[in-house]
C-alpha atoms as a PDB file:
ATOM      1  CA  UNK A   1      13.268 -12.947 -21.179  1.00  0.00           C
ATOM      2  CA  UNK A   2      11.401  -9.656 -21.452  1.00  0.00           C
ATOM      3  CA  UNK A   3      10.000  -7.641 -18.571  1.00  0.00           C
ATOM      4  CA  UNK A   4       7.760  -4.620 -18.214  1.00  0.00           C
ATOM      5  CA  UNK A   5       5.953  -2.836 -15.441  1.00  0.00           C
ATOM      6  CA  UNK A   6       2.311  -1.828 -15.805  1.00  0.00           C
ATOM      7  CA  UNK A   7      -0.275  -0.180 -13.595  1.00  0.00           C
ATOM      8  CA  UNK A   8      -3.819  -1.464 -13.236  1.00  0.00           C
ATOM      9  CA  UNK A   9      -5.917   1.529 -14.310  1.00  0.00           C
ATOM     10  CA  UNK A  10      -9.377   0.091 -14.821  1.00  0.00           C
ATOM     11  CA  UNK A  11     -11.836   0.891 -12.009  1.00  0.00           C
ATOM     12  CA  UNK A  12     -12.518  -2.706 -10.942  1.00  0.00           C
ATOM     13  CA  UNK A  13      -8.933  -3.934 -11.123  1.00  0.00           C
ATOM     14  CA  UNK A  14      -8.066  -7.396 -12.360  1.00  0.00           C
ATOM     15  CA  UNK A  15     -11.539  -8.834 -11.719  1.00  0.00           C
ATOM     16  CA  UNK A  16     -13.058 -11.915 -13.379  1.00  0.00           C
ATOM     17  CA  UNK A  17     -13.859 -10.412 -16.788  1.00  0.00           C
ATOM     18  CA  UNK A  18     -10.512  -8.641 -17.088  1.00  0.00           C
ATOM     19  CA  UNK A  19      -8.668 -11.763 -15.927  1.00  0.00           C
ATOM     20  CA  UNK A  20     -10.530 -13.825 -18.529  1.00  0.00           C
ATOM     21  CA  UNK A  21      -9.448 -11.384 -21.238  1.00  0.00           C
ATOM     22  CA  UNK A  22      -5.854 -11.694 -20.111  1.00  0.00           C
ATOM     23  CA  UNK A  23      -6.023 -15.513 -20.057  1.00  0.00           C
ATOM     24  CA  UNK A  24      -7.468 -15.589 -23.591  1.00  0.00           C
ATOM     25  CA  UNK A  25      -4.734 -13.260 -24.810  1.00  0.00           C
ATOM     26  CA  UNK A  26      -1.901 -15.097 -23.029  1.00  0.00           C
ATOM     27  CA  UNK A  27      -3.116 -18.455 -24.366  1.00  0.00           C
ATOM     28  CA  UNK A  28      -2.368 -17.251 -27.905  1.00  0.00           C
ATOM     29  CA  UNK A  29       1.364 -17.290 -27.136  1.00  0.00           C
ATOM     30  CA  UNK A  30       3.682 -20.186 -26.374  1.00  0.00           C
ATOM     31  CA  UNK A  31       5.858 -18.107 -24.034  1.00  0.00           C
ATOM     32  CA  UNK A  32       5.670 -18.477 -20.262  1.00  0.00           C
ATOM     33  CA  UNK A  33       3.965 -15.351 -18.894  1.00  0.00           C
ATOM     34  CA  UNK A  34       3.936 -14.432 -15.221  1.00  0.00           C
ATOM     35  CA  UNK A  35       2.679 -11.403 -13.319  1.00  0.00           C
ATOM     36  CA  UNK A  36       4.275 -10.272 -10.059  1.00  0.00           C
ATOM     37  CA  UNK A  37       3.091  -7.793  -7.414  1.00  0.00           C
ATOM     38  CA  UNK A  38       6.017  -6.227  -5.616  1.00  0.00           C
ATOM     39  CA  UNK A  39       3.878  -4.805  -2.802  1.00  0.00           C
ATOM     40  CA  UNK A  40       2.713  -8.184  -1.492  1.00  0.00           C
ATOM     41  CA  UNK A  41       4.992 -10.672  -3.246  1.00  0.00           C
ATOM     42  CA  UNK A  42       2.137 -12.260  -5.174  1.00  0.00           C
ATOM     43  CA  UNK A  43       2.787 -14.097  -8.420  1.00  0.00           C
ATOM     44  CA  UNK A  44       0.383 -15.397 -11.057  1.00  0.00           C
ATOM     45  CA  UNK A  45       0.496 -17.475 -14.205  1.00  0.00           C
ATOM     46  CA  UNK A  46      -1.167 -15.336 -16.903  1.00  0.00           C
ATOM     47  CA  UNK A  47      -2.683 -18.460 -18.460  1.00  0.00           C
ATOM     48  CA  UNK A  48      -4.613 -19.390 -15.294  1.00  0.00           C
ATOM     49  CA  UNK A  49      -7.702 -17.408 -14.321  1.00  0.00           C
ATOM     50  CA  UNK A  50      -7.637 -18.686 -10.731  1.00  0.00           C
ATOM     51  CA  UNK A  51      -4.004 -17.670 -10.395  1.00  0.00           C
ATOM     52  CA  UNK A  52      -4.788 -14.184 -11.718  1.00  0.00           C
ATOM     53  CA  UNK A  53      -7.778 -13.721  -9.417  1.00  0.00           C
ATOM     54  CA  UNK A  54      -5.665 -14.790  -6.429  1.00  0.00           C
ATOM     55  CA  UNK A  55      -3.251 -11.979  -7.290  1.00  0.00           C
ATOM     56  CA  UNK A  56      -5.940  -9.530  -6.055  1.00  0.00           C
ATOM     57  CA  UNK A  57      -4.711  -6.678  -8.228  1.00  0.00           C
ATOM     58  CA  UNK A  58      -6.981  -3.713  -7.590  1.00  0.00           C
ATOM     59  CA  UNK A  59      -6.923  -0.338  -9.316  1.00  0.00           C
ATOM     60  CA  UNK A  60      -3.537   1.294  -8.809  1.00  0.00           C
ATOM     61  CA  UNK A  61      -1.622  -1.964  -8.345  1.00  0.00           C
ATOM     62  CA  UNK A  62       1.794  -2.070 -10.003  1.00  0.00           C
ATOM     63  CA  UNK A  63       2.395  -5.327 -11.854  1.00  0.00           C
ATOM     64  CA  UNK A  64       5.694  -6.651 -13.176  1.00  0.00           C
ATOM     65  CA  UNK A  65       5.170  -8.777 -16.296  1.00  0.00           C
ATOM     66  CA  UNK A  66       7.777 -11.390 -17.192  1.00  0.00           C
ATOM     67  CA  UNK A  67       7.616 -13.196 -20.522  1.00  0.00           C
ATOM     68  CA  UNK A  68      10.006 -15.933 -21.590  1.00  0.00           C
ATOM     69  CA  UNK A  69       9.829 -17.793 -24.896  1.00  0.00           C
ATOM     70  CA  UNK A  70      10.053 -17.613 -28.656  1.00  0.00           C
ATOM     71  CA  UNK A  71       7.224 -15.078 -29.061  1.00  0.00           C
ATOM     72  CA  UNK A  72       8.018 -13.037 -25.943  1.00  0.00           C
ATOM     73  CA  UNK A  73       8.202  -9.649 -27.668  1.00  0.00           C
ATOM     74  CA  UNK A  74       4.797  -9.976 -29.300  1.00  0.00           C
ATOM     75  CA  UNK A  75       3.225 -11.382 -26.133  1.00  0.00           C
ATOM     76  CA  UNK A  76       4.591  -8.601 -23.947  1.00  0.00           C
ATOM     77  CA  UNK A  77       3.478  -5.890 -26.363  1.00  0.00           C
ATOM     78  CA  UNK A  78      -0.061  -7.316 -26.510  1.00  0.00           C
ATOM     79  CA  UNK A  79      -0.345  -7.584 -22.724  1.00  0.00           C
ATOM     80  CA  UNK A  80       0.999  -4.070 -22.174  1.00  0.00           C
ATOM     81  CA  UNK A  81      -1.620  -2.778 -24.617  1.00  0.00           C
ATOM     82  CA  UNK A  82      -4.401  -4.624 -22.785  1.00  0.00           C
ATOM     83  CA  UNK A  83      -3.382  -3.026 -19.476  1.00  0.00           C
ATOM     84  CA  UNK A  84      -2.902   0.421 -21.070  1.00  0.00           C
ATOM     85  CA  UNK A  85      -6.427   0.234 -22.515  1.00  0.00           C
ATOM     86  CA  UNK A  86      -7.869  -0.592 -19.090  1.00  0.00           C
ATOM     87  CA  UNK A  87      -9.213  -3.903 -20.396  1.00  0.00           C
ATOM     88  CA  UNK A  88     -11.741  -1.901 -22.433  1.00  0.00           C
ATOM     89  CA  UNK A  89     -13.402  -0.504 -19.303  1.00  0.00           C
ATOM     90  CA  UNK A  90     -12.336   3.136 -19.501  1.00  0.00           C
END
């Protein structure tokens, strides 16, 4: 299992379009990918848009990413890049 912590930096947070991007990216990998918010205990499956939207991650939220599976390194690197690029909104 691989883990990383990221910060939501895009102005609108993890809204519908950003969540859809994350779901499309996560679906490319066979690993189990979950996102956790330590401030409110929320957890989301990165392959479910409804789960991600329920996470309510606004700008500034700190997210713990956990990836477990055969392609975990590649999946984690791709997701970290997506967050670092602000989902293309910066």
